[in-house]
Every structure is written in structure tokens, then in C-alpha cells.
Amino acid sequence: QVQLVESGGGLVQPGGSLRLSCAASGSSIAFSTMGWYRQAPGKQRELVAEVTSDAGTNYADSVKGRFTISRDITKNTVYLRMNALKPEDTAVYYCNFRCWGAVIWGQGTQVTVSS
């Protein structure tokens, strides 16, 4: 059973930075696509960034140049470095694991960008 545990969310001022972590257990992330999604109040959950099993990356247009997704296979952990944060980045951020038809979500971590 794959489990994902996110951490690193919090309150930050506009222009600030945060790094989210997603620690996986039960399966190696090396063979999966790992993604970060977010959901703001009243909005649908949307893809923020993902990294594939061959280390390819994909970003939402709204975060390109500001966010960076990375993975450490030795720690079985995926990261999302978020720079130049904006109020519109405020949301609950969810980690996602996809492999062989299985889709697993983490519990989410709140990111609030406000002065």
C-alpha cells in the first residue's frame, strides 16, 4: 500500500519561498509519475507540476519559471520548490503518485500567501 506524506506548507508573504516535500512509502517513486496538484477554495483541483519515471517534468503555465519539481530517489521523496509566491498560489497542495493504473493522493498541505 502506497502512502504519501506531505510537509512544508505554511504562511508566507508575497514574493517569498517555500519548499514542499512528499515522502512516499510502500513503493519506489523511481518507476512512477509524481505530481503536485493544488485546490483553492471554490476551484477545481489542478496540476501544478509533475515528474515522470524518466525524470521528465511538466509545469502549469501559471508557475513556470517560479516553481521547480525534483525528486530524490534515495529518499523516495519528491519536492516542490516555490519561489516568487503570489496570493493566487494560495491553496491546499496535494502530492500524487501514479503507476501501473494506481493513483494515490496525499492528505494535502496548506499554502497561504498573504501579507
Protein backbone atom coordinates (compact mmCIF):
# COMPACT_ATOMS: atom_id res chain seq x y z
CA GLN A 1 0.00 0.00 0.00
CA VAL A 2 1.49 3.29 -1.13
CA GLN A 3 1.30 6.15 1.34
CA LEU A 4 2.25 9.78 0.77
CA VAL A 5 3.00 12.31 3.46
CA GLU A 6 3.32 15.98 2.53
CA SER A 7 5.00 18.64 4.59
CA GLY A 8 6.39 22.14 4.25
CA GLY A 9 3.28 24.24 3.82
CA GLY A 10 2.59 27.39 5.76
CA LEU A 11 2.03 31.11 5.66
CA VAL A 12 4.38 33.21 3.55
CA GLN A 13 4.41 36.79 2.32
CA PRO A 14 4.07 37.60 -1.37
CA GLY A 15 7.42 37.18 -3.07
CA GLY A 16 8.52 34.60 -0.54
CA SER A 17 9.52 30.97 -0.97
CA LEU A 18 8.53 27.58 0.37
CA ARG A 19 9.62 24.02 -0.27
CA LEU A 20 7.08 21.24 -0.09
CA SER A 21 8.11 17.64 0.49
CA CYS A 22 6.25 14.43 -0.28
CA ALA A 23 7.67 11.29 1.31
CA ALA A 24 6.43 8.05 -0.24
CA SER A 25 6.35 4.61 1.34
CA GLY A 26 5.23 1.25 0.04
CA SER A 27 6.64 1.69 -3.47
CA SER A 28 9.59 3.32 -5.18
CA ILE A 29 8.94 6.65 -6.85
CA ALA A 30 11.57 5.77 -9.46
CA PHE A 31 9.01 3.91 -11.57
CA SER A 32 6.12 6.31 -11.16
CA THR A 33 4.90 9.72 -12.21
CA MET A 34 4.83 12.01 -9.20
CA GLY A 35 2.86 15.20 -9.26
CA TRP A 36 1.87 18.19 -7.20
CA TYR A 37 -1.68 19.45 -7.53
CA ARG A 38 -3.46 22.26 -5.78
CA GLN A 39 -7.01 23.21 -4.96
CA ALA A 40 -8.11 26.67 -3.95
CA PRO A 41 -11.47 27.31 -2.27
CA GLY A 42 -14.29 27.08 -4.77
CA LYS A 43 -12.00 25.88 -7.56
CA GLN A 44 -11.18 22.56 -9.14
CA ARG A 45 -8.00 20.71 -8.31
CA GLU A 46 -5.33 21.49 -10.89
CA LEU A 47 -1.96 20.13 -11.85
CA VAL A 48 0.94 22.29 -10.71
CA ALA A 49 3.92 20.17 -11.72
CA GLU A 50 4.87 16.58 -12.32
CA VAL A 51 7.97 14.48 -12.82
CA THR A 52 7.85 11.24 -14.79
CA SER A 53 9.71 7.98 -14.25
CA ASP A 54 12.34 9.09 -16.79
CA ALA A 55 12.75 12.43 -14.97
CA GLY A 56 10.84 14.49 -17.46
CA THR A 57 8.98 17.46 -15.99
CA ASN A 58 5.79 19.32 -16.81
CA TYR A 59 4.51 22.57 -15.30
CA ALA A 60 1.34 24.58 -15.32
CA ASP A 61 1.81 27.83 -17.23
CA SER A 62 0.98 29.83 -14.13
CA VAL A 63 4.01 28.50 -12.23
CA LYS A 64 6.62 28.16 -14.98
CA GLY A 65 9.82 29.92 -14.01
CA ARG A 66 8.80 30.14 -10.36
CA PHE A 67 8.29 26.54 -9.22
CA THR A 68 10.64 23.59 -9.55
CA ILE A 69 9.77 19.96 -9.02
CA SER A 70 12.51 17.50 -8.14
CA ARG A 71 12.90 14.04 -6.70
CA ASP A 72 15.39 12.18 -4.55
CA ILE A 73 15.03 8.51 -5.32
CA THR A 74 17.34 7.53 -2.45
CA LYS A 75 14.94 9.23 -0.03
CA ASN A 76 11.85 8.25 -2.01
CA THR A 77 10.77 11.88 -1.77
CA VAL A 78 9.50 14.48 -4.22
CA TYR A 79 9.92 18.20 -3.67
CA LEU A 80 8.28 21.35 -4.94
CA ARG A 81 10.36 24.48 -4.60
CA MET A 82 8.12 27.53 -4.87
CA ASN A 83 9.67 30.96 -5.40
CA ALA A 84 8.15 34.38 -6.00
CA LEU A 85 4.90 33.26 -4.43
CA LYS A 86 1.74 35.17 -5.21
CA PRO A 87 -1.57 35.41 -3.33
CA GLU A 88 -3.16 33.40 -6.12
CA ASP A 89 -0.88 30.48 -5.23
CA THR A 90 -2.85 30.08 -2.01
CA ALA A 91 -4.34 26.58 -1.95
CA VAL A 92 -4.12 23.14 -0.46
CA TYR A 93 -1.30 21.33 -2.23
CA TYR A 94 -1.58 17.60 -2.80
CA CYS A 95 1.06 15.07 -3.74
CA ASN A 96 0.05 12.45 -6.31
CA PHE A 97 1.51 9.05 -7.23
CA ARG A 98 0.62 7.32 -10.50
CA CYS A 99 1.98 3.93 -11.50
CA TRP A 100 0.51 0.95 -13.35
CA GLY A 101 -3.00 2.35 -13.14
CA ALA A 102 -2.80 3.10 -9.42
CA VAL A 103 -3.47 6.66 -8.31
CA ILE A 104 -2.66 7.67 -4.75
CA TRP A 105 -3.15 11.06 -3.10
CA GLY A 106 -1.56 12.56 -0.04
CA GLN A 107 -3.54 14.33 2.65
CA GLY A 108 -2.59 17.80 1.44
CA THR A 109 -0.72 20.72 2.95
CA GLN A 110 -1.99 24.28 3.15
CA VAL A 111 -0.04 27.09 1.49
CA THR A 112 -1.20 30.61 2.24
CA VAL A 113 0.40 33.61 0.55
CA SER A 114 -0.61 36.80 2.30
CA SER A 115 0.84 39.97 3.74
